[in-house]
Amino acid sequence: PGEQRKLVATVTNGGSTKYADSVKGRFTISRDNT
């Protein structure tokens, strides 16, 4: 609330992942292409 939208995590089309520092070690992003 009252804040800008911020990136939390990304998984690329190749499967590489990236996380905001605030969630590293706690959050996991994954994808199921099927």
All heavy atoms as atom14 arrays in JSON, in Angstrom:
{
  "sequence": "PGEQRKLVATVTNGGSTKYADSVKGRFTISRDNT",
  "atom14_mask": [
    [1, 1, 1, 1, 1, 1, 1, 0, 0, 0, 0, 0, 0, 0],
    [1, 1, 1, 1, 0, 0, 0, 0, 0, 0, 0, 0, 0, 0],
    [1, 1, 1, 1, 1, 1, 1, 1, 1, 0, 0, 0, 0, 0],
    [1, 1, 1, 1, 1, 1, 1, 1, 1, 0, 0, 0, 0, 0],
    [1, 1, 1, 1, 1, 1, 1, 1, 1, 1, 1, 0, 0, 0],
    [1, 1, 1, 1, 1, 1, 1, 1, 1, 0, 0, 0, 0, 0],
    [1, 1, 1, 1, 1, 1, 1, 1, 0, 0, 0, 0, 0, 0],
    [1, 1, 1, 1, 1, 1, 1, 0, 0, 0, 0, 0, 0, 0],
    [1, 1, 1, 1, 1, 0, 0, 0, 0, 0, 0, 0, 0, 0],
    [1, 1, 1, 1, 1, 1, 1, 0, 0, 0, 0, 0, 0, 0],
    [1, 1, 1, 1, 1, 1, 1, 0, 0, 0, 0, 0, 0, 0],
    [1, 1, 1, 1, 1, 1, 1, 0, 0, 0, 0, 0, 0, 0],
    [1, 1, 1, 1, 1, 1, 1, 1, 0, 0, 0, 0, 0, 0],
    [1, 1, 1, 1, 0, 0, 0, 0, 0, 0, 0, 0, 0, 0],
    [1, 1, 1, 1, 0, 0, 0, 0, 0, 0, 0, 0, 0, 0],
    [1, 1, 1, 1, 1, 1, 0, 0, 0, 0, 0, 0, 0, 0],
    [1, 1, 1, 1, 1, 1, 1, 0, 0, 0, 0, 0, 0, 0],
    [1, 1, 1, 1, 1, 1, 1, 1, 1, 0, 0, 0, 0, 0],
    [1, 1, 1, 1, 1, 1, 1, 1, 1, 1, 1, 1, 0, 0],
    [1, 1, 1, 1, 1, 0, 0, 0, 0, 0, 0, 0, 0, 0],
    [1, 1, 1, 1, 1, 1, 1, 1, 0, 0, 0, 0, 0, 0],
    [1, 1, 1, 1, 1, 1, 0, 0, 0, 0, 0, 0, 0, 0],
    [1, 1, 1, 1, 1, 1, 1, 0, 0, 0, 0, 0, 0, 0],
    [1, 1, 1, 1, 1, 1, 1, 1, 1, 0, 0, 0, 0, 0],
    [1, 1, 1, 1, 0, 0, 0, 0, 0, 0, 0, 0, 0, 0],
    [1, 1, 1, 1, 1, 1, 1, 1, 1, 1, 1, 0, 0, 0],
    [1, 1, 1, 1, 1, 1, 1, 1, 1, 1, 1, 0, 0, 0],
    [1, 1, 1, 1, 1, 1, 1, 0, 0, 0, 0, 0, 0, 0],
    [1, 1, 1, 1, 1, 1, 1, 1, 0, 0, 0, 0, 0, 0],
    [1, 1, 1, 1, 1, 1, 0, 0, 0, 0, 0, 0, 0, 0],
    [1, 1, 1, 1, 1, 1, 1, 1, 1, 1, 1, 0, 0, 0],
    [1, 1, 1, 1, 1, 1, 1, 1, 0, 0, 0, 0, 0, 0],
    [1, 1, 1, 1, 1, 1, 1, 1, 0, 0, 0, 0, 0, 0],
    [1, 1, 1, 1, 1, 1, 1, 0, 0, 0, 0, 0, 0, 0]
  ],
  "atom14_positions": [
    [[0.82, -1.22, 0.0], [0.0, 0.0, 0.0], [0.85, 1.26, 0.0], [1.76, 1.4, 0.81], [-0.81, -0.13, 1.29], [-0.88, -1.6, 1.54], [0.44, -2.13, 1.08], [0.0, 0.0, 0.0], [0.0, 0.0, 0.0], [0.0, 0.0, 0.0], [0.0, 0.0, 0.0], [0.0, 0.0, 0.0], [0.0, 0.0, 0.0], [0.0, 0.0, 0.0]],
    [[0.56, 2.16, -0.93], [1.28, 3.41, -1.02], [2.67, 3.31, -1.59], [3.4, 4.31, -1.59], [0.0, 0.0, 0.0], [0.0, 0.0, 0.0], [0.0, 0.0, 0.0], [0.0, 0.0, 0.0], [0.0, 0.0, 0.0], [0.0, 0.0, 0.0], [0.0, 0.0, 0.0], [0.0, 0.0, 0.0], [0.0, 0.0, 0.0], [0.0, 0.0, 0.0]],
    [[3.07, 2.14, -2.06], [4.41, 1.92, -2.59], [4.35, 1.58, -4.07], [3.33, 1.14, -4.59], [5.12, 0.81, -1.82], [5.23, 1.03, -0.33], [6.18, 2.15, 0.03], [7.1, 2.41, -0.77], [6.02, 2.76, 1.1], [0.0, 0.0, 0.0], [0.0, 0.0, 0.0], [0.0, 0.0, 0.0], [0.0, 0.0, 0.0], [0.0, 0.0, 0.0]],
    [[5.48, 1.76, -4.74], [5.58, 1.37, -6.13], [5.72, -0.14, -6.25], [6.12, -0.82, -5.31], [6.77, 2.07, -6.8], [8.13, 1.61, -6.3], [9.27, 2.33, -6.98], [9.37, 3.55, -6.87], [10.12, 1.59, -7.68], [0.0, 0.0, 0.0], [0.0, 0.0, 0.0], [0.0, 0.0, 0.0], [0.0, 0.0, 0.0], [0.0, 0.0, 0.0]],
    [[5.36, -0.64, -7.41], [5.49, -2.06, -7.68], [6.96, -2.43, -7.84], [7.68, -1.8, -8.62], [4.7, -2.42, -8.93], [4.48, -3.89, -9.14], [3.5, -4.15, -10.29], [2.2, -3.57, -10.02], [1.15, -3.68, -10.84], [1.27, -4.35, -11.98], [0.01, -3.11, -10.52], [0.0, 0.0, 0.0], [0.0, 0.0, 0.0], [0.0, 0.0, 0.0]],
    [[7.41, -3.44, -7.11], [8.81, -3.82, -7.09], [8.99, -5.27, -7.53], [8.18, -6.13, -7.19], [9.4, -3.64, -5.69], [9.41, -2.21, -5.19], [10.0, -2.1, -3.8], [10.03, -0.67, -3.31], [10.59, -0.57, -1.94], [0.0, 0.0, 0.0], [0.0, 0.0, 0.0], [0.0, 0.0, 0.0], [0.0, 0.0, 0.0], [0.0, 0.0, 0.0]],
    [[10.07, -5.51, -8.24], [10.4, -6.85, -8.7], [10.83, -7.72, -7.52], [11.7, -7.35, -6.74], [11.51, -6.79, -9.74], [11.99, -8.13, -10.32], [10.88, -8.81, -11.09], [13.21, -7.91, -11.21], [0.0, 0.0, 0.0], [0.0, 0.0, 0.0], [0.0, 0.0, 0.0], [0.0, 0.0, 0.0], [0.0, 0.0, 0.0], [0.0, 0.0, 0.0]],
    [[10.22, -8.9, -7.42], [10.54, -9.86, -6.37], [11.42, -10.98, -6.9], [12.43, -11.33, -6.29], [9.26, -10.44, -5.75], [9.59, -11.54, -4.75], [8.45, -9.34, -5.08], [0.0, 0.0, 0.0], [0.0, 0.0, 0.0], [0.0, 0.0, 0.0], [0.0, 0.0, 0.0], [0.0, 0.0, 0.0], [0.0, 0.0, 0.0], [0.0, 0.0, 0.0]],
    [[11.05, -11.56, -8.04], [11.78, -12.69, -8.58], [11.48, -12.84, -10.06], [10.4, -12.48, -10.53], [11.44, -13.99, -7.85], [0.0, 0.0, 0.0], [0.0, 0.0, 0.0], [0.0, 0.0, 0.0], [0.0, 0.0, 0.0], [0.0, 0.0, 0.0], [0.0, 0.0, 0.0], [0.0, 0.0, 0.0], [0.0, 0.0, 0.0], [0.0, 0.0, 0.0]],
    [[12.44, -13.37, -10.8], [12.3, -13.64, -12.22], [12.85, -15.01, -12.55], [13.88, -15.42, -12.0], [13.06, -12.59, -13.07], [12.5, -11.3, -12.86], [12.99, -12.93, -14.56], [0.0, 0.0, 0.0], [0.0, 0.0, 0.0], [0.0, 0.0, 0.0], [0.0, 0.0, 0.0], [0.0, 0.0, 0.0], [0.0, 0.0, 0.0], [0.0, 0.0, 0.0]],
    [[12.17, -15.72, -13.42], [12.72, -16.92, -14.04], [12.62, -16.73, -15.55], [11.55, -16.47, -16.08], [12.02, -18.22, -13.57], [10.51, -18.18, -13.81], [12.66, -19.43, -14.23], [0.0, 0.0, 0.0], [0.0, 0.0, 0.0], [0.0, 0.0, 0.0], [0.0, 0.0, 0.0], [0.0, 0.0, 0.0], [0.0, 0.0, 0.0], [0.0, 0.0, 0.0]],
    [[13.77, -16.81, -16.23], [13.81, -16.55, -17.66], [13.28, -17.73, -18.45], [13.01, -18.81, -17.91], [15.24, -16.24, -18.12], [16.03, -17.43, -18.02], [15.86, -15.15, -17.26], [0.0, 0.0, 0.0], [0.0, 0.0, 0.0], [0.0, 0.0, 0.0], [0.0, 0.0, 0.0], [0.0, 0.0, 0.0], [0.0, 0.0, 0.0], [0.0, 0.0, 0.0]],
    [[13.15, -17.52, -19.77], [12.72, -18.61, -20.62], [13.71, -19.77, -20.62], [13.34, -20.9, -20.92], [12.47, -18.12, -22.05], [13.71, -17.52, -22.71], [14.75, -17.35, -22.09], [13.58, -17.2, -23.99], [0.0, 0.0, 0.0], [0.0, 0.0, 0.0], [0.0, 0.0, 0.0], [0.0, 0.0, 0.0], [0.0, 0.0, 0.0], [0.0, 0.0, 0.0]],
    [[14.97, -19.48, -20.27], [15.98, -20.51, -20.17], [16.11, -21.14, -18.8], [16.93, -22.04, -18.62], [0.0, 0.0, 0.0], [0.0, 0.0, 0.0], [0.0, 0.0, 0.0], [0.0, 0.0, 0.0], [0.0, 0.0, 0.0], [0.0, 0.0, 0.0], [0.0, 0.0, 0.0], [0.0, 0.0, 0.0], [0.0, 0.0, 0.0], [0.0, 0.0, 0.0]],
    [[15.34, -20.66, -17.83], [15.33, -21.25, -16.51], [16.21, -20.57, -15.49], [16.29, -21.03, -14.34], [0.0, 0.0, 0.0], [0.0, 0.0, 0.0], [0.0, 0.0, 0.0], [0.0, 0.0, 0.0], [0.0, 0.0, 0.0], [0.0, 0.0, 0.0], [0.0, 0.0, 0.0], [0.0, 0.0, 0.0], [0.0, 0.0, 0.0], [0.0, 0.0, 0.0]],
    [[16.9, -19.49, -15.86], [17.72, -18.77, -14.9], [16.83, -17.98, -13.95], [15.8, -17.45, -14.35], [18.68, -17.82, -15.61], [19.56, -18.54, -16.45], [0.0, 0.0, 0.0], [0.0, 0.0, 0.0], [0.0, 0.0, 0.0], [0.0, 0.0, 0.0], [0.0, 0.0, 0.0], [0.0, 0.0, 0.0], [0.0, 0.0, 0.0], [0.0, 0.0, 0.0]],
    [[17.25, -17.88, -12.7], [16.46, -17.19, -11.68], [17.22, -16.02, -11.1], [18.46, -16.0, -11.05], [16.05, -18.14, -10.55], [17.22, -18.7, -9.95], [15.17, -19.26, -11.08], [0.0, 0.0, 0.0], [0.0, 0.0, 0.0], [0.0, 0.0, 0.0], [0.0, 0.0, 0.0], [0.0, 0.0, 0.0], [0.0, 0.0, 0.0], [0.0, 0.0, 0.0]],
    [[16.46, -15.03, -10.63], [17.01, -13.86, -9.98], [16.02, -13.41, -8.92], [14.81, -13.46, -9.14], [17.28, -12.74, -10.98], [17.92, -11.5, -10.39], [18.19, -10.45, -11.46], [18.85, -9.22, -10.88], [19.11, -8.18, -11.92], [0.0, 0.0, 0.0], [0.0, 0.0, 0.0], [0.0, 0.0, 0.0], [0.0, 0.0, 0.0], [0.0, 0.0, 0.0]],
    [[16.55, -12.95, -7.77], [15.71, -12.57, -6.65], [16.11, -11.22, -6.1], [17.28, -10.84, -6.11], [15.83, -13.6, -5.52], [15.41, -14.99, -5.89], [16.34, -15.91, -6.37], [14.08, -15.39, -5.78], [15.95, -17.19, -6.73], [13.69, -16.66, -6.13], [14.63, -17.56, -6.6], [14.24, -18.83, -6.96], [0.0, 0.0, 0.0], [0.0, 0.0, 0.0]],
    [[15.12, -10.5, -5.59], [15.4, -9.31, -4.81], [16.15, -9.71, -3.55], [15.92, -10.79, -2.98], [14.11, -8.58, -4.45], [0.0, 0.0, 0.0], [0.0, 0.0, 0.0], [0.0, 0.0, 0.0], [0.0, 0.0, 0.0], [0.0, 0.0, 0.0], [0.0, 0.0, 0.0], [0.0, 0.0, 0.0], [0.0, 0.0, 0.0], [0.0, 0.0, 0.0]],
    [[17.06, -8.85, -3.11], [17.86, -9.16, -1.92], [16.98, -9.47, -0.71], [17.34, -10.32, 0.12], [18.79, -8.0, -1.59], [19.93, -7.86, -2.58], [20.21, -8.82, -3.32], [20.56, -6.79, -2.6], [0.0, 0.0, 0.0], [0.0, 0.0, 0.0], [0.0, 0.0, 0.0], [0.0, 0.0, 0.0], [0.0, 0.0, 0.0], [0.0, 0.0, 0.0]],
    [[15.85, -8.83, -0.61], [15.0, -8.98, 0.56], [14.37, -10.37, 0.69], [13.9, -10.73, 1.77], [13.89, -7.92, 0.56], [13.08, -8.05, -0.6], [0.0, 0.0, 0.0], [0.0, 0.0, 0.0], [0.0, 0.0, 0.0], [0.0, 0.0, 0.0], [0.0, 0.0, 0.0], [0.0, 0.0, 0.0], [0.0, 0.0, 0.0], [0.0, 0.0, 0.0]],
    [[14.36, -11.15, -0.4], [13.71, -12.46, -0.36], [14.67, -13.6, -0.62], [14.25, -14.77, -0.56], [12.54, -12.53, -1.36], [11.57, -11.38, -1.14], [13.04, -12.56, -2.8], [0.0, 0.0, 0.0], [0.0, 0.0, 0.0], [0.0, 0.0, 0.0], [0.0, 0.0, 0.0], [0.0, 0.0, 0.0], [0.0, 0.0, 0.0], [0.0, 0.0, 0.0]],
    [[15.93, -13.31, -0.88], [16.9, -14.37, -1.15], [16.99, -15.34, 0.03], [17.07, -14.92, 1.18], [18.27, -13.77, -1.44], [18.4, -13.14, -2.8], [19.8, -12.58, -3.03], [19.94, -11.96, -4.4], [21.26, -11.34, -4.61], [0.0, 0.0, 0.0], [0.0, 0.0, 0.0], [0.0, 0.0, 0.0], [0.0, 0.0, 0.0], [0.0, 0.0, 0.0]],
    [[16.97, -16.61, -0.29], [17.03, -17.64, 0.72], [15.69, -18.02, 1.31], [15.6, -19.01, 2.03], [0.0, 0.0, 0.0], [0.0, 0.0, 0.0], [0.0, 0.0, 0.0], [0.0, 0.0, 0.0], [0.0, 0.0, 0.0], [0.0, 0.0, 0.0], [0.0, 0.0, 0.0], [0.0, 0.0, 0.0], [0.0, 0.0, 0.0], [0.0, 0.0, 0.0]],
    [[14.65, -17.24, 1.02], [13.31, -17.51, 1.55], [12.31, -17.86, 0.45], [11.41, -18.66, 0.68], [12.79, -16.31, 2.34], [13.66, -15.94, 3.53], [12.99, -14.88, 4.39], [12.79, -13.62, 3.66], [11.61, -13.06, 3.45], [10.5, -13.63, 3.91], [11.53, -11.92, 2.78], [0.0, 0.0, 0.0], [0.0, 0.0, 0.0], [0.0, 0.0, 0.0]],
    [[12.44, -17.23, -0.71], [11.5, -17.44, -1.81], [12.16, -18.24, -2.92], [13.38, -18.12, -3.15], [11.04, -16.1, -2.4], [10.14, -15.28, -1.51], [9.92, -15.6, -0.19], [9.5, -14.17, -2.04], [9.1, -14.83, 0.62], [8.67, -13.39, -1.25], [8.46, -13.73, 0.08], [0.0, 0.0, 0.0], [0.0, 0.0, 0.0], [0.0, 0.0, 0.0]],
    [[11.36, -19.02, -3.63], [11.84, -19.77, -4.79], [10.85, -19.61, -5.93], [9.66, -19.91, -5.76], [12.02, -21.26, -4.47], [12.93, -21.42, -3.38], [12.57, -21.99, -5.69], [0.0, 0.0, 0.0], [0.0, 0.0, 0.0], [0.0, 0.0, 0.0], [0.0, 0.0, 0.0], [0.0, 0.0, 0.0], [0.0, 0.0, 0.0], [0.0, 0.0, 0.0]],
    [[11.33, -19.15, -7.08], [10.5, -19.05, -8.27], [10.79, -20.25, -9.17], [11.94, -20.68, -9.29], [10.72, -17.72, -9.01], [9.69, -17.54, -10.14], [12.14, -17.61, -9.55], [9.7, -16.15, -10.76], [0.0, 0.0, 0.0], [0.0, 0.0, 0.0], [0.0, 0.0, 0.0], [0.0, 0.0, 0.0], [0.0, 0.0, 0.0], [0.0, 0.0, 0.0]],
    [[9.76, -20.79, -9.78], [9.92, -21.92, -10.68], [8.85, -21.87, -11.75], [7.86, -21.13, -11.62], [9.86, -23.25, -9.91], [8.6, -23.42, -9.27], [0.0, 0.0, 0.0], [0.0, 0.0, 0.0], [0.0, 0.0, 0.0], [0.0, 0.0, 0.0], [0.0, 0.0, 0.0], [0.0, 0.0, 0.0], [0.0, 0.0, 0.0], [0.0, 0.0, 0.0]],
    [[9.04, -22.64, -12.8], [8.06, -22.67, -13.88], [7.86, -24.09, -14.36], [8.78, -24.91, -14.33], [8.49, -21.76, -15.05], [9.76, -22.2, -15.76], [10.28, -21.09, -16.69], [9.34, -20.79, -17.75], [9.33, -19.64, -18.43], [10.21, -18.68, -18.13], [8.45, -19.46, -19.4], [0.0, 0.0, 0.0], [0.0, 0.0, 0.0], [0.0, 0.0, 0.0]],
    [[6.65, -24.36, -14.8], [6.29, -25.64, -15.41], [5.79, -25.33, -16.8], [4.65, -24.9, -16.98], [5.23, -26.36, -14.59], [4.93, -27.75, -15.1], [5.22, -28.04, -16.28], [4.42, -28.58, -14.31], [0.0, 0.0, 0.0], [0.0, 0.0, 0.0], [0.0, 0.0, 0.0], [0.0, 0.0, 0.0], [0.0, 0.0, 0.0], [0.0, 0.0, 0.0]],
    [[6.65, -25.51, -17.79], [6.29, -25.14, -19.16], [5.19, -26.01, -19.74], [4.46, -25.57, -20.63], [7.53, -25.19, -20.05], [8.51, -24.07, -19.77], [8.15, -23.05, -19.2], [9.75, -24.26, -20.19], [0.0, 0.0, 0.0], [0.0, 0.0, 0.0], [0.0, 0.0, 0.0], [0.0, 0.0, 0.0], [0.0, 0.0, 0.0], [0.0, 0.0, 0.0]],
    [[5.04, -27.23, -19.26], [3.97, -28.09, -19.75], [2.61, -27.61, -19.28], [1.6, -27.91, -19.93], [4.18, -29.54, -19.31], [4.06, -29.66, -17.89], [5.55, -30.04, -19.74], [0.0, 0.0, 0.0], [0.0, 0.0, 0.0], [0.0, 0.0, 0.0], [0.0, 0.0, 0.0], [0.0, 0.0, 0.0], [0.0, 0.0, 0.0], [0.0, 0.0, 0.0]]
  ]
}
